[in-house]
Amino acid sequence: QVQLVESGGGSVQAGGSLRLSCAASGKRYCSMAWFRQAPGKERQGLAAVDSDGSFRYANSAKGRFTISKDNAEGTLYLQMNSLKPEDTGMYYCAADLLCPRHRIPPHPDDYTYWGQGTQVTVSS
């Protein structure tokens, strides 16, 4: 019954922008986050928003990416600007009913529910 559905991925040239969306339904979550996984690499936390309204960002995302949430609709967003080729990968939305440890960057082990991912490709 818990559903997380990402959208907004695609191909963009270096320096461009994309806005990812995650439609969430079925539960009230304590924390929601965005992760990226490049081929052959571990899943990397980018940004998270917690139930107290606080935000956490990875150094690679800080200053370029902005996480936000539409509380009325339960939709999570990731605005990505000044994209670089190293930003290429599968982007996943994640959520958990329990409040995670305050870890920077967000850690995948703290999240139970995951979307299927949306591909982002940044070319030079």
PDB file of N, CA and C in Angstrom:
ATOM      1  N   GLN A   1       0.806  -1.205   0.000  1.00  0.00           N
ATOM      2  CA  GLN A   1       0.000   0.000   0.000  1.00  0.00           C
ATOM      3  C   GLN A   1       0.842   1.258   0.000  1.00  0.00           C
ATOM      4  N   VAL A   2       2.092   1.159   0.444  1.00  0.00           N
ATOM      5  CA  VAL A   2       3.005   2.292   0.407  1.00  0.00           C
ATOM      6  C   VAL A   2       3.543   2.426  -1.009  1.00  0.00           C
ATOM      7  N   GLN A   3       3.435   3.623  -1.562  1.00  0.00           N
ATOM      8  CA  GLN A   3       3.883   3.881  -2.923  1.00  0.00           C
ATOM      9  C   GLN A   3       4.750   5.128  -2.983  1.00  0.00           C
ATOM     10  N   LEU A   4       5.895   5.006  -3.643  1.00  0.00           N
ATOM     11  CA  LEU A   4       6.762   6.128  -3.954  1.00  0.00           C
ATOM     12  C   LEU A   4       7.049   6.065  -5.445  1.00  0.00           C
ATOM     13  N   VAL A   5       6.705   7.115  -6.175  1.00  0.00           N
ATOM     14  CA  VAL A   5       6.856   7.127  -7.625  1.00  0.00           C
ATOM     15  C   VAL A   5       7.613   8.373  -8.035  1.00  0.00           C
ATOM     16  N   GLU A   6       8.816   8.175  -8.604  1.00  0.00           N
ATOM     17  CA  GLU A   6       9.644   9.292  -9.051  1.00  0.00           C
ATOM     18  C   GLU A   6       9.321   9.661 -10.499  1.00  0.00           C
ATOM     19  N   SER A   7       9.564  10.920 -10.836  1.00  0.00           N
ATOM     20  CA  SER A   7       9.437  11.390 -12.202  1.00  0.00           C
ATOM     21  C   SER A   7      10.327  12.615 -12.379  1.00  0.00           C
ATOM     22  N   GLY A   8      10.552  13.014 -13.626  1.00  0.00           N
ATOM     23  CA  GLY A   8      11.299  14.223 -13.919  1.00  0.00           C
ATOM     24  C   GLY A   8      12.705  14.016 -14.425  1.00  0.00           C
ATOM     25  N   GLY A   9      13.184  12.773 -14.469  1.00  0.00           N
ATOM     26  CA  GLY A   9      14.512  12.511 -14.981  1.00  0.00           C
ATOM     27  C   GLY A   9      14.583  12.685 -16.481  1.00  0.00           C
ATOM     28  N   GLY A  10      15.805  12.651 -17.013  1.00  0.00           N
ATOM     29  CA  GLY A  10      16.012  12.804 -18.437  1.00  0.00           C
ATOM     30  C   GLY A  10      17.453  13.120 -18.749  1.00  0.00           C
ATOM     31  N   SER A  11      17.703  13.559 -19.972  1.00  0.00           N
ATOM     32  CA  SER A  11      19.037  13.915 -20.431  1.00  0.00           C
ATOM     33  C   SER A  11      19.178  15.426 -20.499  1.00  0.00           C
ATOM     34  N   VAL A  12      20.313  15.926 -20.031  1.00  0.00           N
ATOM     35  CA  VAL A  12      20.557  17.362 -20.014  1.00  0.00           C
ATOM     36  C   VAL A  12      22.050  17.612 -20.212  1.00  0.00           C
ATOM     37  N   GLN A  13      22.393  18.742 -20.802  1.00  0.00           N
ATOM     38  CA  GLN A  13      23.788  19.114 -20.958  1.00  0.00           C
ATOM     39  C   GLN A  13      24.330  19.701 -19.663  1.00  0.00           C
ATOM     40  N   ALA A  14      25.642  19.613 -19.492  1.00  0.00           N
ATOM     41  CA  ALA A  14      26.283  20.184 -18.315  1.00  0.00           C
ATOM     42  C   ALA A  14      25.896  21.642 -18.151  1.00  0.00           C
ATOM     43  N   GLY A  15      25.589  22.016 -16.915  1.00  0.00           N
ATOM     44  CA  GLY A  15      25.143  23.363 -16.614  1.00  0.00           C
ATOM     45  C   GLY A  15      23.639  23.529 -16.618  1.00  0.00           C
ATOM     46  N   GLY A  16      22.925  22.521 -17.081  1.00  0.00           N
ATOM     47  CA  GLY A  16      21.481  22.574 -17.141  1.00  0.00           C
ATOM     48  C   GLY A  16      20.829  22.239 -15.826  1.00  0.00           C
ATOM     49  N   SER A  17      19.490  22.190 -15.842  1.00  0.00           N
ATOM     50  CA  SER A  17      18.710  21.958 -14.634  1.00  0.00           C
ATOM     51  C   SER A  17      17.638  20.907 -14.867  1.00  0.00           C
ATOM     52  N   LEU A  18      17.274  20.222 -13.796  1.00  0.00           N
ATOM     53  CA  LEU A  18      16.161  19.285 -13.787  1.00  0.00           C
ATOM     54  C   LEU A  18      15.455  19.394 -12.444  1.00  0.00           C
ATOM     55  N   ARG A  19      14.169  19.093 -12.446  1.00  0.00           N
ATOM     56  CA  ARG A  19      13.397  19.045 -11.211  1.00  0.00           C
ATOM     57  C   ARG A  19      12.753  17.673 -11.092  1.00  0.00           C
ATOM     58  N   LEU A  20      13.150  16.918 -10.079  1.00  0.00           N
ATOM     59  CA  LEU A  20      12.613  15.600  -9.830  1.00  0.00           C
ATOM     60  C   LEU A  20      11.447  15.684  -8.854  1.00  0.00           C
ATOM     61  N   SER A  21      10.472  14.805  -9.043  1.00  0.00           N
ATOM     62  CA  SER A  21       9.315  14.738  -8.160  1.00  0.00           C
ATOM     63  C   SER A  21       9.157  13.325  -7.634  1.00  0.00           C
ATOM     64  N   CYS A  22       8.625  13.209  -6.428  1.00  0.00           N
ATOM     65  CA  CYS A  22       8.327  11.918  -5.816  1.00  0.00           C
ATOM     66  C   CYS A  22       6.940  11.997  -5.207  1.00  0.00           C
ATOM     67  N   ALA A  23       6.015  11.268  -5.789  1.00  0.00           N
ATOM     68  CA  ALA A  23       4.658  11.201  -5.265  1.00  0.00           C
ATOM     69  C   ALA A  23       4.594  10.116  -4.203  1.00  0.00           C
ATOM     70  N   ALA A  24       4.193  10.489  -2.997  1.00  0.00           N
ATOM     71  CA  ALA A  24       4.156   9.566  -1.872  1.00  0.00           C
ATOM     72  C   ALA A  24       2.724   9.371  -1.406  1.00  0.00           C
ATOM     73  N   SER A  25       2.388   8.137  -1.075  1.00  0.00           N
ATOM     74  CA  SER A  25       1.052   7.842  -0.595  1.00  0.00           C
ATOM     75  C   SER A  25       1.090   6.667   0.370  1.00  0.00           C
ATOM     76  N   GLY A  26       0.044   6.543   1.167  1.00  0.00           N
ATOM     77  CA  GLY A  26      -0.148   5.367   2.010  1.00  0.00           C
ATOM     78  C   GLY A  26       0.258   5.509   3.460  1.00  0.00           C
ATOM     79  N   LYS A  27       1.232   6.345   3.760  1.00  0.00           N
ATOM     80  CA  LYS A  27       1.743   6.476   5.115  1.00  0.00           C
ATOM     81  C   LYS A  27       2.155   7.915   5.399  1.00  0.00           C
ATOM     82  N   ARG A  28       2.269   8.227   6.681  1.00  0.00           N
ATOM     83  CA  ARG A  28       2.889   9.465   7.130  1.00  0.00           C
ATOM     84  C   ARG A  28       4.329   9.152   7.488  1.00  0.00           C
ATOM     85  N   TYR A  29       5.261   9.846   6.844  1.00  0.00           N
ATOM     86  CA  TYR A  29       6.678   9.548   6.994  1.00  0.00           C
ATOM     87  C   TYR A  29       7.369  10.538   7.913  1.00  0.00           C
ATOM     88  N   CYS A  30       8.312  10.016   8.681  1.00  0.00           N
ATOM     89  CA  CYS A  30       9.125  10.881   9.523  1.00  0.00           C
ATOM     90  C   CYS A  30      10.212  11.566   8.707  1.00  0.00           C
ATOM     91  N   SER A  31      10.765  10.841   7.728  1.00  0.00           N
ATOM     92  CA  SER A  31      11.858  11.372   6.929  1.00  0.00           C
ATOM     93  C   SER A  31      11.696  10.947   5.472  1.00  0.00           C
ATOM     94  N   MET A  32      12.039  11.846   4.560  1.00  0.00           N
ATOM     95  CA  MET A  32      12.085  11.530   3.137  1.00  0.00           C
ATOM     96  C   MET A  32      13.399  12.055   2.580  1.00  0.00           C
ATOM     97  N   ALA A  33      13.931  11.343   1.576  1.00  0.00           N
ATOM     98  CA  ALA A  33      15.263  11.682   1.090  1.00  0.00           C
ATOM     99  C   ALA A  33      15.426  11.309  -0.370  1.00  0.00           C
ATOM    100  N   TRP A  34      16.450  11.900  -0.987  1.00  0.00           N
ATOM    101  CA  TRP A  34      16.861  11.573  -2.348  1.00  0.00           C
ATOM    102  C   TRP A  34      18.241  10.933  -2.330  1.00  0.00           C
ATOM    103  N   PHE A  35      18.406   9.871  -3.135  1.00  0.00           N
ATOM    104  CA  PHE A  35      19.674   9.177  -3.292  1.00  0.00           C
ATOM    105  C   PHE A  35      20.029   9.067  -4.759  1.00  0.00           C
ATOM    106  N   ARG A  36      21.323   8.889  -5.040  1.00  0.00           N
ATOM    107  CA  ARG A  36      21.805   8.679  -6.398  1.00  0.00           C
ATOM    108  C   ARG A  36      22.716   7.456  -6.415  1.00  0.00           C
ATOM    109  N   GLN A  37      22.586   6.644  -7.464  1.00  0.00           N
ATOM    110  CA  GLN A  37      23.460   5.502  -7.645  1.00  0.00           C
ATOM    111  C   GLN A  37      23.990   5.495  -9.070  1.00  0.00           C
ATOM    112  N   ALA A  38      25.304   5.651  -9.211  1.00  0.00           N
ATOM    113  CA  ALA A  38      25.965   5.571 -10.501  1.00  0.00           C
ATOM    114  C   ALA A  38      26.394   4.124 -10.751  1.00  0.00           C
ATOM    115  N   PRO A  39      26.591   3.733 -12.021  1.00  0.00           N
ATOM    116  CA  PRO A  39      26.999   2.361 -12.318  1.00  0.00           C
ATOM    117  C   PRO A  39      28.266   1.965 -11.569  1.00  0.00           C
ATOM    118  N   GLY A  40      28.218   0.819 -10.882  1.00  0.00           N
ATOM    119  CA  GLY A  40      29.360   0.326 -10.151  1.00  0.00           C
ATOM    120  C   GLY A  40      29.648   1.040  -8.847  1.00  0.00           C
ATOM    121  N   LYS A  41      28.795   1.964  -8.448  1.00  0.00           N
ATOM    122  CA  LYS A  41      29.006   2.739  -7.229  1.00  0.00           C
ATOM    123  C   LYS A  41      27.930   2.426  -6.193  1.00  0.00           C
ATOM    124  N   GLU A  42      28.231   2.738  -4.932  1.00  0.00           N
ATOM    125  CA  GLU A  42      27.255   2.585  -3.871  1.00  0.00           C
ATOM    126  C   GLU A  42      26.217   3.691  -3.948  1.00  0.00           C
ATOM    127  N   ARG A  43      25.040   3.415  -3.419  1.00  0.00           N
ATOM    128  CA  ARG A  43      23.985   4.411  -3.378  1.00  0.00           C
ATOM    129  C   ARG A  43      24.380   5.536  -2.429  1.00  0.00           C
ATOM    130  N   GLN A  44      24.318   6.773  -2.930  1.00  0.00           N
ATOM    131  CA  GLN A  44      24.795   7.941  -2.203  1.00  0.00           C
ATOM    132  C   GLN A  44      23.631   8.852  -1.832  1.00  0.00           C
ATOM    133  N   GLY A  45      23.557   9.226  -0.562  1.00  0.00           N
ATOM    134  CA  GLY A  45      22.538  10.159  -0.111  1.00  0.00           C
ATOM    135  C   GLY A  45      22.844  11.571  -0.573  1.00  0.00           C
ATOM    136  N   LEU A  46      21.829  12.283  -1.050  1.00  0.00           N
ATOM    137  CA  LEU A  46      21.991  13.643  -1.540  1.00  0.00           C
ATOM    138  C   LEU A  46      21.361  14.674  -0.617  1.00  0.00           C
ATOM    139  N   ALA A  47      20.129  14.419  -0.191  1.00  0.00           N
ATOM    140  CA  ALA A  47      19.408  15.393   0.618  1.00  0.00           C
ATOM    141  C   ALA A  47      18.254  14.710   1.326  1.00  0.00           C
ATOM    142  N   ALA A  48      17.869  15.250   2.477  1.00  0.00           N
ATOM    143  CA  ALA A  48      16.753  14.710   3.241  1.00  0.00           C
ATOM    144  C   ALA A  48      16.000  15.826   3.930  1.00  0.00           C
ATOM    145  N   VAL A  49      14.709  15.608   4.131  1.00  0.00           N
ATOM    146  CA  VAL A  49      13.881  16.503   4.930  1.00  0.00           C
ATOM    147  C   VAL A  49      13.200  15.654   5.991  1.00  0.00           C
ATOM    148  N   ASP A  50      13.235  16.121   7.238  1.00  0.00           N
ATOM    149  CA  ASP A  50      12.692  15.367   8.357  1.00  0.00           C
ATOM    150  C   ASP A  50      11.407  16.013   8.859  1.00  0.00           C
ATOM    151  N   SER A  51      10.712  15.313   9.756  1.00  0.00           N
ATOM    152  CA  SER A  51       9.394  15.751  10.194  1.00  0.00           C
ATOM    153  C   SER A  51       9.423  17.061  10.969  1.00  0.00           C
ATOM    154  N   ASP A  52      10.574  17.415  11.533  1.00  0.00           N
ATOM    155  CA  ASP A  52      10.689  18.683  12.246  1.00  0.00           C
ATOM    156  C   ASP A  52      10.979  19.850  11.306  1.00  0.00           C
ATOM    157  N   GLY A  53      11.022  19.582   9.999  1.00  0.00           N
ATOM    158  CA  GLY A  53      11.267  20.613   9.012  1.00  0.00           C
ATOM    159  C   GLY A  53      12.722  20.878   8.710  1.00  0.00           C
ATOM    160  N   SER A  54      13.625  20.122   9.309  1.00  0.00           N
ATOM    161  CA  SER A  54      15.046  20.327   9.082  1.00  0.00           C
ATOM    162  C   SER A  54      15.492  19.671   7.781  1.00  0.00           C
ATOM    163  N   PHE A  55      16.594  20.176   7.215  1.00  0.00           N
ATOM    164  CA  PHE A  55      17.141  19.681   5.964  1.00  0.00           C
ATOM    165  C   PHE A  55      18.569  19.216   6.162  1.00  0.00           C
ATOM    166  N   ARG A  56      18.948  18.182   5.406  1.00  0.00           N
ATOM    167  CA  ARG A  56      20.303  17.676   5.414  1.00  0.00           C
ATOM    168  C   ARG A  56      20.767  17.501   3.984  1.00  0.00           C
ATOM    169  N   TYR A  57      21.992  17.963   3.667  1.00  0.00           N
ATOM    170  CA  TYR A  57      22.532  17.896   2.313  1.00  0.00           C
ATOM    171  C   TYR A  57      23.915  17.268   2.306  1.00  0.00           C
ATOM    172  N   ALA A  58      24.181  16.459   1.280  1.00  0.00           N
ATOM    173  CA  ALA A  58      25.536  16.010   1.012  1.00  0.00           C
ATOM    174  C   ALA A  58      26.340  17.174   0.462  1.00  0.00           C
ATOM    175  N   ASN A  59      27.654  17.132   0.657  1.00  0.00           N
ATOM    176  CA  ASN A  59      28.506  18.196   0.136  1.00  0.00           C
ATOM    177  C   ASN A  59      28.391  18.333  -1.381  1.00  0.00           C
ATOM    178  N   SER A  60      28.197  17.217  -2.077  1.00  0.00           N
ATOM    179  CA  SER A  60      28.091  17.255  -3.528  1.00  0.00           C
ATOM    180  C   SER A  60      26.823  17.951  -4.007  1.00  0.00           C
ATOM    181  N   ALA A  61      25.818  18.045  -3.133  1.00  0.00           N
ATOM    182  CA  ALA A  61      24.543  18.655  -3.494  1.00  0.00           C
ATOM    183  C   ALA A  61      24.388  20.075  -2.970  1.00  0.00           C
ATOM    184  N   LYS A  62      25.087  20.396  -1.911  1.00  0.00           N
ATOM    185  CA  LYS A  62      24.936  21.685  -1.249  1.00  0.00           C
ATOM    186  C   LYS A  62      25.262  22.828  -2.208  1.00  0.00           C
ATOM    187  N   GLY A  63      24.364  23.799  -2.277  1.00  0.00           N
ATOM    188  CA  GLY A  63      24.563  24.962  -3.126  1.00  0.00           C
ATOM    189  C   GLY A  63      24.039  24.808  -4.531  1.00  0.00           C
ATOM    190  N   ARG A  64      23.784  23.577  -4.973  1.00  0.00           N
ATOM    191  CA  ARG A  64      23.264  23.320  -6.318  1.00  0.00           C
ATOM    192  C   ARG A  64      21.891  22.660  -6.301  1.00  0.00           C
ATOM    193  N   PHE A  65      21.643  21.811  -5.300  1.00  0.00           N
ATOM    194  CA  PHE A  65      20.386  21.080  -5.213  1.00  0.00           C
ATOM    195  C   PHE A  65      19.555  21.621  -4.055  1.00  0.00           C
ATOM    196  N   THR A  66      18.236  21.601  -4.225  1.00  0.00           N
ATOM    197  CA  THR A  66      17.327  22.036  -3.178  1.00  0.00           C
ATOM    198  C   THR A  66      16.218  21.011  -3.012  1.00  0.00           C
ATOM    199  N   ILE A  67      16.058  20.486  -1.789  1.00  0.00           N
ATOM    200  CA  ILE A  67      14.979  19.557  -1.504  1.00  0.00           C
ATOM    201  C   ILE A  67      13.813  20.332  -0.907  1.00  0.00           C
ATOM    202  N   SER A  68      12.606  19.968  -1.280  1.00  0.00           N
ATOM    203  CA  SER A  68      11.418  20.612  -0.743  1.00  0.00           C
ATOM    204  C   SER A  68      10.272  19.614  -0.731  1.00  0.00           C
ATOM    205  N   LYS A  69       9.224  19.952   0.002  1.00  0.00           N
ATOM    206  CA  LYS A  69       8.076  19.074   0.126  1.00  0.00           C
ATOM    207  C   LYS A  69       6.796  19.890   0.112  1.00  0.00           C
ATOM    208  N   ASP A  70       5.840  19.427  -0.675  1.00  0.00           N
ATOM    209  CA  ASP A  70       4.501  19.995  -0.679  1.00  0.00           C
ATOM    210  C   ASP A  70       3.700  19.217   0.355  1.00  0.00           C
ATOM    211  N   ASN A  71       3.510  19.790   1.528  1.00  0.00           N
ATOM    212  CA  ASN A  71       2.856  19.076   2.619  1.00  0.00           C
ATOM    213  C   ASN A  71       1.392  18.769   2.324  1.00  0.00           C
ATOM    214  N   ALA A  72       0.738  19.619   1.552  1.00  0.00           N
ATOM    215  CA  ALA A  72      -0.670  19.407   1.240  1.00  0.00           C
ATOM    216  C   ALA A  72      -0.866  18.173   0.371  1.00  0.00           C
ATOM    217  N   GLU A  73       0.052  17.945  -0.577  1.00  0.00           N
ATOM    218  CA  GLU A  73      -0.075  16.825  -1.501  1.00  0.00           C
ATOM    219  C   GLU A  73       0.854  15.664  -1.170  1.00  0.00           C
ATOM    220  N   GLY A  74       1.795  15.862  -0.258  1.00  0.00           N
ATOM    221  CA  GLY A  74       2.729  14.814   0.095  1.00  0.00           C
ATOM    222  C   GLY A  74       3.757  14.521  -0.977  1.00  0.00           C
ATOM    223  N   THR A  75       4.075  15.492  -1.817  1.00  0.00           N
ATOM    224  CA  THR A  75       5.017  15.313  -2.907  1.00  0.00           C
ATOM    225  C   THR A  75       6.387  15.879  -2.532  1.00  0.00           C
ATOM    226  N   LEU A  76       7.421  15.097  -2.762  1.00  0.00           N
ATOM    227  CA  LEU A  76       8.794  15.504  -2.512  1.00  0.00           C
ATOM    228  C   LEU A  76       9.441  15.948  -3.819  1.00  0.00           C
ATOM    229  N   TYR A  77      10.254  17.009  -3.764  1.00  0.00           N
ATOM    230  CA  TYR A  77      10.918  17.542  -4.946  1.00  0.00           C
ATOM    231  C   TYR A  77      12.418  17.639  -4.723  1.00  0.00           C
ATOM    232  N   LEU A  78      13.159  17.572  -5.828  1.00  0.00           N
ATOM    233  CA  LEU A  78      14.582  17.875  -5.822  1.00  0.00           C
ATOM    234  C   LEU A  78      14.879  18.753  -7.025  1.00  0.00           C
ATOM    235  N   GLN A  79      15.149  20.029  -6.775  1.00  0.00           N
ATOM    236  CA  GLN A  79      15.550  20.954  -7.822  1.00  0.00           C
ATOM    237  C   GLN A  79      17.055  20.873  -7.976  1.00  0.00           C
ATOM    238  N   MET A  80      17.522  20.540  -9.180  1.00  0.00           N
ATOM    239  CA  MET A  80      18.941  20.359  -9.448  1.00  0.00           C
ATOM    240  C   MET A  80      19.383  21.382 -10.481  1.00  0.00           C
ATOM    241  N   ASN A  81      20.326  22.235 -10.097  1.00  0.00           N
ATOM    242  CA  ASN A  81      20.877  23.257 -10.974  1.00  0.00           C
ATOM    243  C   ASN A  81      22.370  23.026 -11.175  1.00  0.00           C
ATOM    244  N   SER A  82      22.924  23.649 -12.210  1.00  0.00           N
ATOM    245  CA  SER A  82      24.354  23.555 -12.511  1.00  0.00           C
ATOM    246  C   SER A  82      24.819  22.106 -12.551  1.00  0.00           C
ATOM    247  N   LEU A  83      24.085  21.279 -13.272  1.00  0.00           N
ATOM    248  CA  LEU A  83      24.374  19.850 -13.310  1.00  0.00           C
ATOM    249  C   LEU A  83      25.721  19.563 -13.965  1.00  0.00           C
ATOM    250  N   LYS A  84      26.396  18.539 -13.443  1.00  0.00           N
ATOM    251  CA  LYS A  84      27.704  18.115 -13.913  1.00  0.00           C
ATOM    252  C   LYS A  84      27.622  16.672 -14.401  1.00  0.00           C
ATOM    253  N   PRO A  85      28.548  16.246 -15.286  1.00  0.00           N
ATOM    254  CA  PRO A  85      28.535  14.854 -15.742  1.00  0.00           C
ATOM    255  C   PRO A  85      28.573  13.851 -14.591  1.00  0.00           C
ATOM    256  N   GLU A  86      29.251  14.159 -13.496  1.00  0.00           N
ATOM    257  CA  GLU A  86      29.312  13.250 -12.370  1.00  0.00           C
ATOM    258  C   GLU A  86      27.999  13.130 -11.612  1.00  0.00           C
ATOM    259  N   ASP A  87      27.002  13.955 -11.961  1.00  0.00           N
ATOM    260  CA  ASP A  87      25.670  13.826 -11.386  1.00  0.00           C
ATOM    261  C   ASP A  87      24.860  12.728 -12.065  1.00  0.00           C
ATOM    262  N   THR A  88      25.379  12.148 -13.130  1.00  0.00           N
ATOM    263  CA  THR A  88      24.684  11.100 -13.864  1.00  0.00           C
ATOM    264  C   THR A  88      24.441   9.881 -12.983  1.00  0.00           C
ATOM    265  N   GLY A  89      23.242   9.314 -13.052  1.00  0.00           N
ATOM    266  CA  GLY A  89      22.920   8.120 -12.298  1.00  0.00           C
ATOM    267  C   GLY A  89      21.423   7.937 -12.151  1.00  0.00           C
ATOM    268  N   MET A  90      21.063   6.873 -11.452  1.00  0.00           N
ATOM    269  CA  MET A  90      19.673   6.643 -11.098  1.00  0.00           C
ATOM    270  C   MET A  90      19.365   7.381  -9.797  1.00  0.00           C
ATOM    271  N   TYR A  91      18.291   8.140  -9.796  1.00  0.00           N
ATOM    272  CA  TYR A  91      17.886   8.908  -8.624  1.00  0.00           C
ATOM    273  C   TYR A  91      16.676   8.249  -7.979  1.00  0.00           C
ATOM    274  N   TYR A  92      16.784   7.995  -6.675  1.00  0.00           N
ATOM    275  CA  TYR A  92      15.749   7.294  -5.935  1.00  0.00           C
ATOM    276  C   TYR A  92      15.167   8.163  -4.830  1.00  0.00           C
ATOM    277  N   CYS A  93      13.872   8.084  -4.676  1.00  0.00           N
ATOM    278  CA  CYS A  93      13.176   8.668  -3.551  1.00  0.00           C
ATOM    279  C   CYS A  93      13.042   7.606  -2.468  1.00  0.00           C
ATOM    280  N   ALA A  94      13.262   7.984  -1.209  1.00  0.00           N
ATOM    281  CA  ALA A  94      13.176   7.056  -0.100  1.00  0.00           C
ATOM    282  C   ALA A  94      12.429   7.691   1.064  1.00  0.00           C
ATOM    283  N   ALA A  95      11.822   6.843   1.899  1.00  0.00           N
ATOM    284  CA  ALA A  95      11.065   7.329   3.048  1.00  0.00           C
ATOM    285  C   ALA A  95      11.087   6.303   4.161  1.00  0.00           C
ATOM    286  N   ASP A  96      10.836   6.780   5.383  1.00  0.00           N
ATOM    287  CA  ASP A  96      10.739   5.872   6.515  1.00  0.00           C
ATOM    288  C   ASP A  96       9.768   6.423   7.538  1.00  0.00           C
ATOM    289  N   LEU A  97       9.074   5.511   8.219  1.00  0.00           N
ATOM    290  CA  LEU A  97       8.118   5.892   9.250  1.00  0.00           C
ATOM    291  C   LEU A  97       8.803   6.313  10.537  1.00  0.00           C
ATOM    292  N   LEU A  98      10.013   5.847  10.752  1.00  0.00           N
ATOM    293  CA  LEU A  98      10.763   6.162  11.952  1.00  0.00           C
ATOM    294  C   LEU A  98      11.732   7.304  11.687  1.00  0.00           C
ATOM    295  N   CYS A  99      11.965   8.109  12.695  1.00  0.00           N
ATOM    296  CA  CYS A  99      12.933   9.184  12.563  1.00  0.00           C
ATOM    297  C   CYS A  99      14.335   8.588  12.569  1.00  0.00           C
ATOM    298  N   PRO A 100      15.131   8.848  11.528  1.00  0.00           N
ATOM    299  CA  PRO A 100      16.471   8.263  11.460  1.00  0.00           C
ATOM    300  C   PRO A 100      17.460   9.005  12.340  1.00  0.00           C
ATOM    301  N   ARG A 101      18.616   8.406  12.503  1.00  0.00           N
ATOM    302  CA  ARG A 101      19.714   9.144  13.098  1.00  0.00           C
ATOM    303  C   ARG A 101      20.054  10.321  12.211  1.00  0.00           C
ATOM    304  N   HIS A 102      20.500  11.403  12.820  1.00  0.00           N
ATOM    305  CA  HIS A 102      20.824  12.612  12.076  1.00  0.00           C
ATOM    306  C   HIS A 102      22.194  12.438  11.427  1.00  0.00           C
ATOM    307  N   ARG A 103      22.201  11.774  10.277  1.00  0.00           N
ATOM    308  CA  ARG A 103      23.441  11.497   9.579  1.00  0.00           C
ATOM    309  C   ARG A 103      23.542  12.334   8.311  1.00  0.00           C
ATOM    310  N   ILE A 104      24.713  12.908   8.090  1.00  0.00           N
ATOM    311  CA  ILE A 104      24.996  13.702   6.896  1.00  0.00           C
ATOM    312  C   ILE A 104      26.182  13.077   6.174  1.00  0.00           C
ATOM    313  N   PRO A 105      26.015  12.637   4.947  1.00  0.00           N
ATOM    314  CA  PRO A 105      24.787  12.646   4.153  1.00  0.00           C
ATOM    315  C   PRO A 105      23.801  11.571   4.621  1.00  0.00           C
ATOM    316  N   PRO A 106      22.560  11.620   4.164  1.00  0.00           N
ATOM    317  CA  PRO A 106      21.602  10.571   4.534  1.00  0.00           C
ATOM    318  C   PRO A 106      22.136   9.199   4.150  1.00  0.00           C
ATOM    319  N   HIS A 107      21.830   8.193   4.980  1.00  0.00           N
ATOM    320  CA  HIS A 107      22.337   6.843   4.763  1.00  0.00           C
ATOM    321  C   HIS A 107      21.208   5.931   4.315  1.00  0.00           C
ATOM    322  N   PRO A 108      21.434   5.109   3.274  1.00  0.00           N
ATOM    323  CA  PRO A 108      20.349   4.251   2.777  1.00  0.00           C
ATOM    324  C   PRO A 108      19.809   3.268   3.798  1.00  0.00           C
ATOM    325  N   ASP A 109      20.623   2.842   4.770  1.00  0.00           N
ATOM    326  CA  ASP A 109      20.158   1.893   5.777  1.00  0.00           C
ATOM    327  C   ASP A 109      19.084   2.474   6.682  1.00  0.00           C
ATOM    328  N   ASP A 110      18.900   3.787   6.685  1.00  0.00           N
ATOM    329  CA  ASP A 110      17.899   4.436   7.521  1.00  0.00           C
ATOM    330  C   ASP A 110      16.524   4.480   6.866  1.00  0.00           C
ATOM    331  N   TYR A 111      16.398   3.979   5.646  1.00  0.00           N
ATOM    332  CA  TYR A 111      15.150   4.107   4.893  1.00  0.00           C
ATOM    333  C   TYR A 111      14.627   2.752   4.447  1.00  0.00           C
ATOM    334  N   THR A 112      13.331   2.554   4.662  1.00  0.00           N
ATOM    335  CA  THR A 112      12.672   1.285   4.383  1.00  0.00           C
ATOM    336  C   THR A 112      11.979   1.270   3.029  1.00  0.00           C
ATOM    337  N   TYR A 113      11.348   2.375   2.664  1.00  0.00           N
ATOM    338  CA  TYR A 113      10.539   2.436   1.448  1.00  0.00           C
ATOM    339  C   TYR A 113      11.281   3.170   0.348  1.00  0.00           C
ATOM    340  N   TRP A 114      11.237   2.597  -0.855  1.00  0.00           N
ATOM    341  CA  TRP A 114      11.983   3.116  -1.998  1.00  0.00           C
ATOM    342  C   TRP A 114      11.132   3.134  -3.255  1.00  0.00           C
ATOM    343  N   GLY A 115      11.349   4.157  -4.087  1.00  0.00           N
ATOM    344  CA  GLY A 115      10.764   4.174  -5.410  1.00  0.00           C
ATOM    345  C   GLY A 115      11.602   3.367  -6.377  1.00  0.00           C
ATOM    346  N   GLN A 116      11.154   3.275  -7.628  1.00  0.00           N
ATOM    347  CA  GLN A 116      11.848   2.504  -8.649  1.00  0.00           C
ATOM    348  C   GLN A 116      12.990   3.266  -9.300  1.00  0.00           C
ATOM    349  N   GLY A 117      13.058   4.573  -9.093  1.00  0.00           N
ATOM    350  CA  GLY A 117      14.144   5.375  -9.617  1.00  0.00           C
ATOM    351  C   GLY A 117      13.802   6.062 -10.928  1.00  0.00           C
ATOM    352  N   THR A 118      14.498   7.158 -11.196  1.00  0.00           N
ATOM    353  CA  THR A 118      14.391   7.869 -12.462  1.00  0.00           C
ATOM    354  C   THR A 118      15.799   8.226 -12.928  1.00  0.00           C
ATOM    355  N   GLN A 119      16.085   7.970 -14.198  1.00  0.00           N
ATOM    356  CA  GLN A 119      17.434   8.131 -14.731  1.00  0.00           C
ATOM    357  C   GLN A 119      17.727   9.587 -15.061  1.00  0.00           C
ATOM    358  N   VAL A 120      18.902  10.051 -14.649  1.00  0.00           N
ATOM    359  CA  VAL A 120      19.403  11.372 -15.000  1.00  0.00           C
ATOM    360  C   VAL A 120      20.741  11.200 -15.701  1.00  0.00           C
ATOM    361  N   THR A 121      20.861  11.763 -16.895  1.00  0.00           N
ATOM    362  CA  THR A 121      22.097  11.692 -17.666  1.00  0.00           C
ATOM    363  C   THR A 121      22.544  13.102 -18.012  1.00  0.00           C
ATOM    364  N   VAL A 122      23.758  13.454 -17.594  1.00  0.00           N
ATOM    365  CA  VAL A 122      24.321  14.775 -17.845  1.00  0.00           C
ATOM    366  C   VAL A 122      25.512  14.611 -18.782  1.00  0.00           C
ATOM    367  N   SER A 123      25.447  15.231 -19.939  1.00  0.00           N
ATOM    368  CA  SER A 123      26.493  15.120 -20.935  1.00  0.00           C
ATOM    369  C   SER A 123      27.328  16.388 -20.982  1.00  0.00           C
ATOM    370  N   SER A 124      28.602  16.234 -21.354  1.00  0.00           N
ATOM    371  CA  SER A 124      29.496  17.374 -21.500  1.00  0.00           C
ATOM    372  C   SER A 124      29.635  17.781 -22.948  1.00  0.00           C
TER     373      SER A 124
END
